């Protein structure tokens, strides 16, 4: 009964809501995903190989987190056909950059309306579907289960808000979550919360958090020498994962010029960052601010804010392409998938989505480069990362522009403490390595069970 009602409402929403969905995409300068997500265009034919394993991550963070998992899977199941889907166009762009060279097919995940789900399942014919983090779509899971698809939820995450909602509607939602054959929580707290929802312990397998392995792997890629086949920097091509940090340093790093990175900022945060930056310039007139909005379509809005503040800036693409030389106080990042490189050249870093109630961003992206991340109080989506850092004694919380300026100034004025906290943050990750291998072993086991059904 719950499924019938859900599918009826989902169908109604799909029929009546498509103009809003189209407007939503076009208003953000997009639209490519409209037809495939609504089931109006089929994905490419499925890849050859068995079993056919389909991994889904909604956006950039999940897509990048899946890289070490796919690597581990391919090493254990070299004959498998791998599909990677995303729900956003930014995630799709990053997936297309990374996964086809690994032999994986990339496509969009459908909206959870019956006709779109039927079409993609009929076309791709997966044997095993792997959802990442919090991608629980009742209609899709139910229809996939009917087709005999094995289901796994890896790196399972329940934010504070989601947990409260799931508890409130537990009797309606349990049957859908319980469709998964295996659930691998990304933290001990997520394991506890899933158990409280009634998920059988036999299905819960704590493996550690996949994003730790993903961050360490991306760090190694950035530290590795660039291939002679990489596009030259002056071509204007994307930096890609193997950009030599030496090259990035030549563009952005100047002797005696500290670098302050404000990463993954959301609306309502850039003005606070700029207020803090202006307070800091009295003590550090050469301080370079690298400002990286979470969503690149907001770059024109942030650029207008910089102009209102009277702050001259470079667009990162112009610097990267060699069209300009670094001379201004601010670099505004207008690309996707390159944030990790900026952490590598920063002296201090603020991680956004946390000064406003947006749930935070991944603090460990700073920690992997030996930076103690400064952040606001709103970390509902990244409690697991906060817990890792707090266990290591790293907890730099700010609440407004003056406290942000104070924390940045303190770290710049005390380099030994800055290095000590950064080293503690990095070492905290070393204790959480290996999640990708453990999750891959679970999926190999589940793939083996398919033949026995």
Protein backbone atom coordinates (compact mmCIF):
# COMPACT_ATOMS: atom_id res chain seq x y z
CA UNK A 1 0.00 0.00 0.00
CA UNK A 2 2.81 2.41 0.86
CA UNK A 3 4.51 1.70 -2.48
CA UNK A 4 1.29 2.09 -4.48
CA UNK A 5 0.59 5.47 -2.87
CA UNK A 6 4.18 6.60 -3.36
CA UNK A 7 4.21 5.64 -7.05
CA UNK A 8 0.86 7.34 -7.62
CA UNK A 9 2.10 10.58 -6.04
CA UNK A 10 5.45 10.33 -7.85
CA UNK A 11 3.67 9.88 -11.19
CA UNK A 12 1.41 12.84 -10.47
CA UNK A 13 4.42 14.96 -9.54
CA UNK A 14 6.19 13.92 -12.74
CA UNK A 15 3.22 14.82 -14.94
CA UNK A 16 2.39 18.11 -13.25
CA UNK A 17 5.84 19.16 -12.06
CA UNK A 18 7.97 18.83 -15.20
CA UNK A 19 7.63 22.54 -16.15
CA UNK A 20 8.99 23.50 -12.72
CA UNK A 21 11.83 20.97 -13.09
CA UNK A 22 12.71 22.36 -16.52
CA UNK A 23 12.58 25.95 -15.26
CA UNK A 24 14.71 25.00 -12.23
CA UNK A 25 17.43 23.59 -14.49
CA UNK A 26 17.33 26.40 -17.04
CA UNK A 27 17.36 29.12 -14.37
CA UNK A 28 20.70 27.71 -13.19
CA UNK A 29 22.12 27.75 -16.71
CA UNK A 30 21.53 24.04 -17.29
CA UNK A 31 19.09 21.73 -18.98
CA UNK A 32 21.12 18.80 -20.31
CA UNK A 33 19.80 16.46 -17.62
CA UNK A 34 16.11 17.21 -18.20
CA UNK A 35 15.33 14.58 -20.86
CA UNK A 36 17.36 11.66 -19.46
CA UNK A 37 16.24 12.19 -15.88
CA UNK A 38 12.58 12.45 -16.85
CA UNK A 39 12.83 9.25 -18.90
CA UNK A 40 12.43 11.02 -22.24
CA UNK A 41 15.82 9.81 -23.47
CA UNK A 42 17.39 6.41 -22.90
CA UNK A 43 20.92 6.04 -21.51
CA UNK A 44 23.61 4.51 -23.74
CA UNK A 45 23.51 0.71 -24.11
CA UNK A 46 24.95 -1.11 -21.08
CA UNK A 47 28.64 -2.03 -21.00
CA UNK A 48 29.69 -5.58 -21.74
CA UNK A 49 30.84 -7.83 -18.94
CA UNK A 50 29.26 -9.56 -15.98
CA UNK A 51 28.17 -8.93 -13.36
CA UNK A 52 26.84 -5.54 -14.38
CA UNK A 53 27.46 -3.21 -11.42
CA UNK A 54 25.74 0.17 -11.26
CA UNK A 55 27.00 2.76 -8.76
CA UNK A 56 25.06 5.96 -8.11
CA UNK A 57 26.19 9.16 -6.39
CA UNK A 58 24.10 12.29 -6.52
CA UNK A 59 26.84 14.89 -7.13
CA UNK A 60 30.54 15.76 -7.13
CA UNK A 61 31.42 14.58 -3.61
CA UNK A 62 29.90 11.13 -4.05
CA UNK A 63 31.28 10.76 -7.58
CA UNK A 64 34.83 11.42 -6.39
CA UNK A 65 34.39 9.28 -3.28
CA UNK A 66 33.50 6.31 -5.49
CA UNK A 67 36.83 6.39 -7.39
CA UNK A 68 38.79 4.12 -5.01
CA UNK A 69 35.77 1.82 -4.67
CA UNK A 70 35.56 1.37 -8.45
CA UNK A 71 39.33 0.76 -8.57
CA UNK A 72 39.05 -1.93 -5.89
CA UNK A 73 36.04 -3.49 -7.61
CA UNK A 74 37.78 -3.63 -10.99
CA UNK A 75 40.77 -5.34 -9.41
CA UNK A 76 38.53 -8.01 -7.85
CA UNK A 77 35.98 -8.32 -10.67
CA UNK A 78 37.94 -7.45 -13.82
CA UNK A 79 35.21 -8.98 -16.00
CA UNK A 80 32.46 -6.75 -14.54
CA UNK A 81 30.68 -4.07 -16.51
CA UNK A 82 30.55 -0.87 -14.44
CA UNK A 83 28.03 1.98 -14.73
CA UNK A 84 28.29 5.25 -12.77
CA UNK A 85 25.29 7.58 -12.58
CA UNK A 86 24.78 11.04 -11.11
CA UNK A 87 21.79 13.21 -10.32
CA UNK A 88 23.36 16.61 -11.04
CA UNK A 89 25.04 18.08 -14.07
CA UNK A 90 28.10 19.15 -12.09
CA UNK A 91 28.47 15.58 -10.88
CA UNK A 92 28.03 14.34 -14.43
CA UNK A 93 30.84 16.58 -15.70
CA UNK A 94 33.23 15.21 -13.07
CA UNK A 95 32.13 11.62 -13.70
CA UNK A 96 32.74 11.98 -17.44
CA UNK A 97 36.25 13.19 -16.71
CA UNK A 98 37.23 10.31 -14.43
CA UNK A 99 35.29 7.14 -15.20
CA UNK A 100 35.42 6.42 -18.96
CA UNK A 101 39.25 6.00 -18.78
CA UNK A 102 38.60 3.36 -16.11
CA UNK A 103 36.28 1.48 -18.48
CA UNK A 104 33.06 2.61 -16.79
CA UNK A 105 29.98 3.99 -18.49
CA UNK A 106 28.47 7.27 -17.24
CA UNK A 107 24.81 8.31 -17.33
CA UNK A 108 22.15 10.25 -15.43
CA UNK A 109 20.01 8.73 -12.69
CA UNK A 110 16.26 9.03 -13.39
CA UNK A 111 13.75 10.95 -11.37
CA UNK A 112 11.83 8.51 -9.20
CA UNK A 113 8.80 8.28 -11.49
CA UNK A 114 7.74 4.84 -12.75
CA UNK A 115 8.16 5.36 -16.50
CA UNK A 116 11.66 6.81 -16.13
CA UNK A 117 12.77 4.05 -13.75
CA UNK A 118 11.31 1.29 -15.95
CA UNK A 119 13.09 2.68 -19.00
CA UNK A 120 16.54 2.87 -17.44
CA UNK A 121 16.28 -0.53 -15.75
CA UNK A 122 15.15 -2.10 -19.03
CA UNK A 123 18.06 -0.49 -20.89
CA UNK A 124 20.91 -1.02 -18.42
CA UNK A 125 19.81 -4.39 -17.00
CA UNK A 126 22.00 -4.17 -13.85
CA UNK A 127 22.78 -7.18 -11.68
CA UNK A 128 23.92 -5.12 -8.69
CA UNK A 129 22.95 -1.56 -7.79
CA UNK A 130 25.10 0.38 -5.33
CA UNK A 131 23.72 3.60 -3.85
CA UNK A 132 26.16 5.94 -2.14
CA UNK A 133 25.50 7.81 1.13
CA UNK A 134 21.81 8.73 1.32
CA UNK A 135 20.33 7.88 -2.08
CA UNK A 136 17.18 6.01 -1.04
CA UNK A 137 14.51 6.21 -3.75
CA UNK A 138 11.54 3.98 -2.87
CA UNK A 139 10.12 3.58 -6.37
CA UNK A 140 13.45 2.77 -7.95
CA UNK A 141 14.46 0.32 -5.22
CA UNK A 142 11.14 -1.50 -5.36
CA UNK A 143 11.14 -1.86 -9.14
CA UNK A 144 14.80 -2.90 -9.17
CA UNK A 145 14.11 -5.53 -6.53
CA UNK A 146 11.24 -6.92 -8.64
CA UNK A 147 13.71 -7.37 -11.50
CA UNK A 148 16.03 -9.36 -9.25
CA UNK A 149 18.67 -6.64 -8.86
CA UNK A 150 20.82 -6.98 -5.73
CA UNK A 151 20.88 -3.73 -3.74
CA UNK A 152 23.62 -2.21 -1.58
CA UNK A 153 23.90 1.11 0.25
CA UNK A 154 27.56 2.03 0.75
CA UNK A 155 28.88 4.80 2.96
CA UNK A 156 25.37 5.15 4.34
CA UNK A 157 24.75 8.51 5.98
CA UNK A 158 21.88 9.94 8.00
CA UNK A 159 22.15 13.64 8.75
CA UNK A 160 20.62 15.02 11.95
CA UNK A 161 17.59 16.23 10.00
CA UNK A 162 17.18 13.01 8.00
CA UNK A 163 17.42 10.90 11.15
CA UNK A 164 14.66 12.87 12.85
CA UNK A 165 12.48 12.55 9.76
CA UNK A 166 13.14 8.83 9.41
CA UNK A 167 12.28 8.24 13.07
CA UNK A 168 9.03 10.17 12.67
CA UNK A 169 7.95 8.20 9.59
CA UNK A 170 9.70 4.97 10.51
CA UNK A 171 6.73 2.68 9.89
CA UNK A 172 6.38 4.03 6.33
CA UNK A 173 10.06 4.22 5.37
CA UNK A 174 11.44 1.07 6.97
CA UNK A 175 10.15 -1.24 4.23
CA UNK A 176 12.03 0.75 1.59
CA UNK A 177 15.36 0.99 3.43
CA UNK A 178 15.09 -2.69 4.28
CA UNK A 179 15.08 -3.52 0.55
CA UNK A 180 18.87 -3.20 0.59
CA UNK A 181 20.73 -6.50 0.94
CA UNK A 182 23.71 -4.77 2.56
CA UNK A 183 24.10 -1.39 4.23
CA UNK A 184 27.59 -0.14 5.09
CA UNK A 185 27.37 2.91 7.40
CA UNK A 186 30.02 5.58 6.95
CA UNK A 187 30.49 6.16 10.69
CA UNK A 188 29.75 4.58 14.05
CA UNK A 189 27.03 7.17 14.63
CA UNK A 190 25.38 6.32 11.31
CA UNK A 191 25.53 2.63 12.28
CA UNK A 192 23.79 3.43 15.59
CA UNK A 193 21.10 5.49 13.88
CA UNK A 194 20.34 2.82 11.28
CA UNK A 195 20.07 0.20 13.99
CA UNK A 196 17.59 2.44 15.86
CA UNK A 197 15.47 2.52 12.71
CA UNK A 198 15.16 -1.24 12.95
CA UNK A 199 17.59 -2.32 10.21
CA UNK A 200 18.69 -5.88 11.07
CA UNK A 201 22.26 -6.12 12.37
CA UNK A 202 22.89 -8.87 9.79
CA UNK A 203 22.57 -6.23 7.05
CA UNK A 204 24.73 -3.59 8.73
CA UNK A 205 28.47 -3.82 8.08
CA UNK A 206 30.65 -1.01 9.40
CA UNK A 207 33.54 -0.48 6.98
CA UNK A 208 34.74 3.06 7.66
CA UNK A 209 34.13 6.05 5.43
CA UNK A 210 34.86 5.81 1.73
CA UNK A 211 35.61 9.51 1.46
CA UNK A 212 38.79 9.12 3.51
CA UNK A 213 40.25 6.71 0.95
CA UNK A 214 39.01 8.92 -1.88
CA UNK A 215 40.73 11.99 -0.44
CA UNK A 216 44.00 10.17 0.14
CA UNK A 217 43.89 8.76 -3.40
CA UNK A 218 43.22 12.19 -4.92
CA UNK A 219 46.07 13.64 -2.89
CA UNK A 220 48.43 11.02 -4.31
CA UNK A 221 47.25 11.80 -7.84
CA UNK A 222 47.94 15.48 -7.35
CA UNK A 223 51.38 14.74 -5.92
CA UNK A 224 52.31 12.44 -8.81
CA UNK A 225 54.23 13.93 -11.76
CA UNK A 226 51.99 14.97 -14.66
CA UNK A 227 51.86 12.69 -17.67
CA UNK A 228 53.58 13.93 -20.86
CA UNK A 229 50.20 13.39 -22.51
CA UNK A 230 48.43 15.90 -20.24
CA UNK A 231 47.16 19.00 -22.02
CA UNK A 232 49.46 22.02 -21.61
CA UNK A 233 48.26 24.62 -19.14
CA UNK A 234 47.97 27.29 -21.81
CA UNK A 235 45.42 25.23 -23.72
CA UNK A 236 42.70 26.28 -21.30
CA UNK A 237 41.83 22.63 -20.67
CA UNK A 238 40.74 21.42 -17.26
CA UNK A 239 43.58 20.94 -14.82
CA UNK A 240 42.60 17.32 -14.32
CA UNK A 241 43.61 15.10 -11.43
CA UNK A 242 47.33 14.94 -12.28
CA UNK A 243 48.10 18.65 -12.36
CA UNK A 244 51.59 19.21 -10.97
CA UNK A 245 51.26 21.23 -7.80
CA UNK A 246 54.47 22.96 -8.77
CA UNK A 247 52.58 24.45 -11.74
CA UNK A 248 49.72 25.61 -9.54
CA UNK A 249 52.22 27.09 -7.10
CA UNK A 250 53.86 29.10 -9.86
CA UNK A 251 50.52 30.70 -10.67
CA UNK A 252 49.26 31.43 -7.16
CA UNK A 253 52.08 31.39 -4.63
CA UNK A 254 54.29 34.45 -4.05
CA UNK A 255 57.07 34.89 -1.49
CA UNK A 256 55.71 36.50 1.65
CA UNK A 257 52.09 36.27 0.47
CA UNK A 258 49.98 33.99 2.69
CA UNK A 259 47.02 32.24 1.06
CA UNK A 260 43.54 32.14 2.64
CA UNK A 261 41.18 29.67 0.96
CA UNK A 262 37.41 30.02 1.46
CA UNK A 263 36.14 26.73 0.02
CA UNK A 264 32.66 25.56 -0.99
CA UNK A 265 30.91 28.74 0.13
CA UNK A 266 27.14 29.12 -0.03
CA UNK A 267 24.83 32.16 -0.28
CA UNK A 268 25.11 34.23 2.88
CA UNK A 269 28.71 33.19 3.52
CA UNK A 270 30.67 35.15 0.92
CA UNK A 271 29.78 38.48 2.53
CA UNK A 272 31.04 37.17 5.89
CA UNK A 273 34.23 35.87 4.29
CA UNK A 274 34.85 39.22 2.61
CA UNK A 275 34.19 41.11 5.87
CA UNK A 276 36.72 38.87 7.60
CA UNK A 277 39.18 39.32 4.74
CA UNK A 278 38.95 43.11 4.97
CA UNK A 279 39.61 42.89 8.73
CA UNK A 280 42.67 40.72 8.07
CA UNK A 281 44.22 42.98 5.46
CA UNK A 282 45.12 45.57 8.09
CA UNK A 283 47.63 43.05 9.50
CA UNK A 284 48.28 41.14 6.28
CA UNK A 285 48.01 43.55 3.32
CA UNK A 286 49.47 40.92 0.94
CA UNK A 287 47.01 38.19 1.97
CA UNK A 288 45.62 36.38 -1.09
CA UNK A 289 42.02 35.21 -0.88
CA UNK A 290 40.98 32.24 -3.02
CA UNK A 291 37.18 32.21 -3.04
CA UNK A 292 35.56 29.01 -4.33
CA UNK A 293 31.72 28.99 -4.35
CA UNK A 294 30.17 25.54 -3.90
CA UNK A 295 28.12 25.95 -7.09
CA UNK A 296 29.95 27.51 -10.04
CA UNK A 297 26.74 28.93 -11.53
CA UNK A 298 26.84 31.43 -8.64
CA UNK A 299 30.14 32.91 -9.81
CA UNK A 300 28.49 35.96 -11.49
CA UNK A 301 26.59 36.71 -8.26
CA UNK A 302 29.78 36.43 -6.18
CA UNK A 303 31.65 38.56 -8.72
CA UNK A 304 29.04 41.31 -8.27
CA UNK A 305 29.54 41.10 -4.50
CA UNK A 306 33.30 41.54 -4.92
CA UNK A 307 32.76 44.59 -7.10
CA UNK A 308 30.38 46.08 -4.53
CA UNK A 309 33.12 45.63 -1.91
CA UNK A 310 35.65 47.32 -4.19
CA UNK A 311 37.83 44.20 -4.35
CA UNK A 312 39.63 43.55 -7.62
CA UNK A 313 39.77 39.89 -8.58
CA UNK A 314 40.87 37.34 -11.15
CA UNK A 315 38.70 34.58 -12.54
CA UNK A 316 40.64 31.36 -12.08
CA UNK A 317 40.13 30.25 -15.68
CA UNK A 318 41.90 33.36 -16.91
CA UNK A 319 44.90 32.72 -14.66
CA UNK A 320 44.97 29.05 -15.57
CA UNK A 321 44.91 29.78 -19.30
CA UNK A 322 47.73 32.31 -18.95
CA UNK A 323 45.50 35.21 -20.03
CA UNK A 324 46.33 37.13 -16.83
CA UNK A 325 49.12 37.23 -14.27
CA UNK A 326 48.40 37.25 -10.55
CA UNK A 327 48.20 40.87 -9.40
CA UNK A 328 44.85 41.24 -7.62
CA UNK A 329 43.81 40.52 -4.04
CA UNK A 330 41.24 37.82 -4.80
CA UNK A 331 41.00 34.75 -7.06
CA UNK A 332 37.43 33.67 -7.80
CA UNK A 333 37.26 29.99 -8.72
CA UNK A 334 34.92 29.41 -11.67
CA UNK A 335 35.65 25.74 -12.44
CA UNK A 336 34.41 22.36 -11.18
CA UNK A 337 36.41 19.52 -9.63
CA UNK A 338 39.65 21.38 -8.90
CA UNK A 339 39.16 22.38 -5.27
CA UNK A 340 41.61 19.81 -3.90
CA UNK A 341 44.48 21.54 -5.65
CA UNK A 342 43.69 24.85 -3.96
CA UNK A 343 43.83 23.28 -0.51
CA UNK A 344 47.35 22.15 -1.37
CA UNK A 345 48.63 25.73 -1.76
CA UNK A 346 46.64 27.31 1.09
CA UNK A 347 48.07 28.36 4.44
CA UNK A 348 44.66 28.51 6.13
CA UNK A 349 41.28 27.26 4.97
CA UNK A 350 37.66 27.95 5.82
CA UNK A 351 35.18 25.23 4.77
CA UNK A 352 31.79 26.64 3.80
CA UNK A 353 28.22 25.50 4.05
CA UNK A 354 28.76 25.78 7.80
CA UNK A 355 28.25 29.45 8.71
CA UNK A 356 24.74 29.20 7.28
CA UNK A 357 22.39 26.24 7.86
CA UNK A 358 23.36 24.22 4.78
CA UNK A 359 24.74 21.15 6.57
CA UNK A 360 28.44 21.82 5.95
CA UNK A 361 30.96 20.45 3.46
CA UNK A 362 33.71 17.87 3.82
CA UNK A 363 36.21 19.20 6.38
CA UNK A 364 38.64 16.39 5.57
CA UNK A 365 39.46 17.92 2.18
CA UNK A 366 41.54 20.40 4.17
CA UNK A 367 42.87 17.83 6.63
CA UNK A 368 44.33 15.65 3.87
CA UNK A 369 46.73 18.51 3.07
CA UNK A 370 47.74 19.09 6.68
CA UNK A 371 45.38 22.01 7.24
CA UNK A 372 43.24 22.39 10.33
CA UNK A 373 39.87 23.40 8.81
CA UNK A 374 38.04 26.43 10.14
CA UNK A 375 34.29 25.98 9.97
CA UNK A 376 30.96 27.22 11.28
CA UNK A 377 28.55 25.39 13.60
CA UNK A 378 26.29 23.91 10.90
CA UNK A 379 27.76 20.48 10.13
CA UNK A 380 24.63 18.35 10.14
CA UNK A 381 25.73 16.46 6.99
CA UNK A 382 29.32 15.95 8.09
CA UNK A 383 29.17 14.94 11.74
CA UNK A 384 31.31 11.93 10.87
CA UNK A 385 34.13 14.19 9.62
CA UNK A 386 33.77 16.49 12.62
CA UNK A 387 34.03 13.46 14.95
CA UNK A 388 37.26 12.30 13.30
CA UNK A 389 38.85 15.72 13.78
CA UNK A 390 37.56 16.22 17.30
CA UNK A 391 39.09 12.88 18.32
CA UNK A 392 42.40 14.34 17.13
CA UNK A 393 41.90 17.57 19.10
CA UNK A 394 41.15 19.71 16.04
CA UNK A 395 38.02 21.84 16.42
CA UNK A 396 38.17 25.38 15.00
CA UNK A 397 34.57 26.64 15.12
CA UNK A 398 33.62 30.21 14.17
CA UNK A 399 30.21 31.90 14.14
CA UNK A 400 30.61 35.20 12.30
CA UNK A 401 33.02 37.39 10.36
CA UNK A 402 34.99 38.73 13.39
CA UNK A 403 35.56 35.23 14.83
CA UNK A 404 36.57 33.97 11.37
CA UNK A 405 39.09 36.81 11.06
CA UNK A 406 40.36 36.04 14.56
CA UNK A 407 40.92 32.33 13.80
CA UNK A 408 42.70 33.03 10.53
CA UNK A 409 44.90 35.69 12.15
CA UNK A 410 45.75 33.38 15.05
CA UNK A 411 46.87 30.58 12.72
CA UNK A 412 48.93 32.95 10.59
CA UNK A 413 50.59 34.49 13.65
CA UNK A 414 51.38 31.10 15.22
CA UNK A 415 52.87 28.92 12.47
CA UNK A 416 54.05 26.21 14.88
CA UNK A 417 50.53 25.74 16.25
CA UNK A 418 49.18 25.83 12.71
CA UNK A 419 51.53 23.01 11.69
CA UNK A 420 50.77 21.00 14.84
CA UNK A 421 47.01 21.16 14.31
CA UNK A 422 47.42 20.42 10.61
CA UNK A 423 49.57 17.36 11.30
CA UNK A 424 47.02 16.12 13.86
CA UNK A 425 44.25 16.56 11.29
CA UNK A 426 46.22 14.61 8.68
CA UNK A 427 47.15 11.79 11.06
CA UNK A 428 43.50 11.40 12.05
CA UNK A 429 42.82 10.23 8.49
CA UNK A 430 45.52 7.57 8.56
CA UNK A 431 43.55 5.68 11.19
CA UNK A 432 40.51 5.46 8.88
CA UNK A 433 42.09 4.09 5.71
CA UNK A 434 40.90 0.95 3.91
CA UNK A 435 37.14 1.54 3.59
CA UNK A 436 37.24 1.12 -0.21
CA UNK A 437 38.80 -2.35 0.03
CA UNK A 438 36.37 -3.44 2.74
CA UNK A 439 33.35 -2.19 0.81
CA UNK A 440 34.59 -3.81 -2.40
CA UNK A 441 34.85 -7.16 -0.60
CA UNK A 442 31.24 -6.82 0.53
CA UNK A 443 30.11 -6.10 -3.02
CA UNK A 444 32.08 -9.03 -4.42
CA UNK A 445 30.37 -11.25 -1.85
CA UNK A 446 26.95 -9.84 -2.80
CA UNK A 447 27.68 -10.36 -6.51
CA UNK A 448 28.42 -13.99 -5.69
CA UNK A 449 25.04 -14.33 -4.00
CA UNK A 450 23.25 -13.24 -7.18
CA UNK A 451 24.07 -16.56 -8.85
CA UNK A 452 22.54 -18.45 -5.94
CA UNK A 453 19.16 -16.72 -6.11
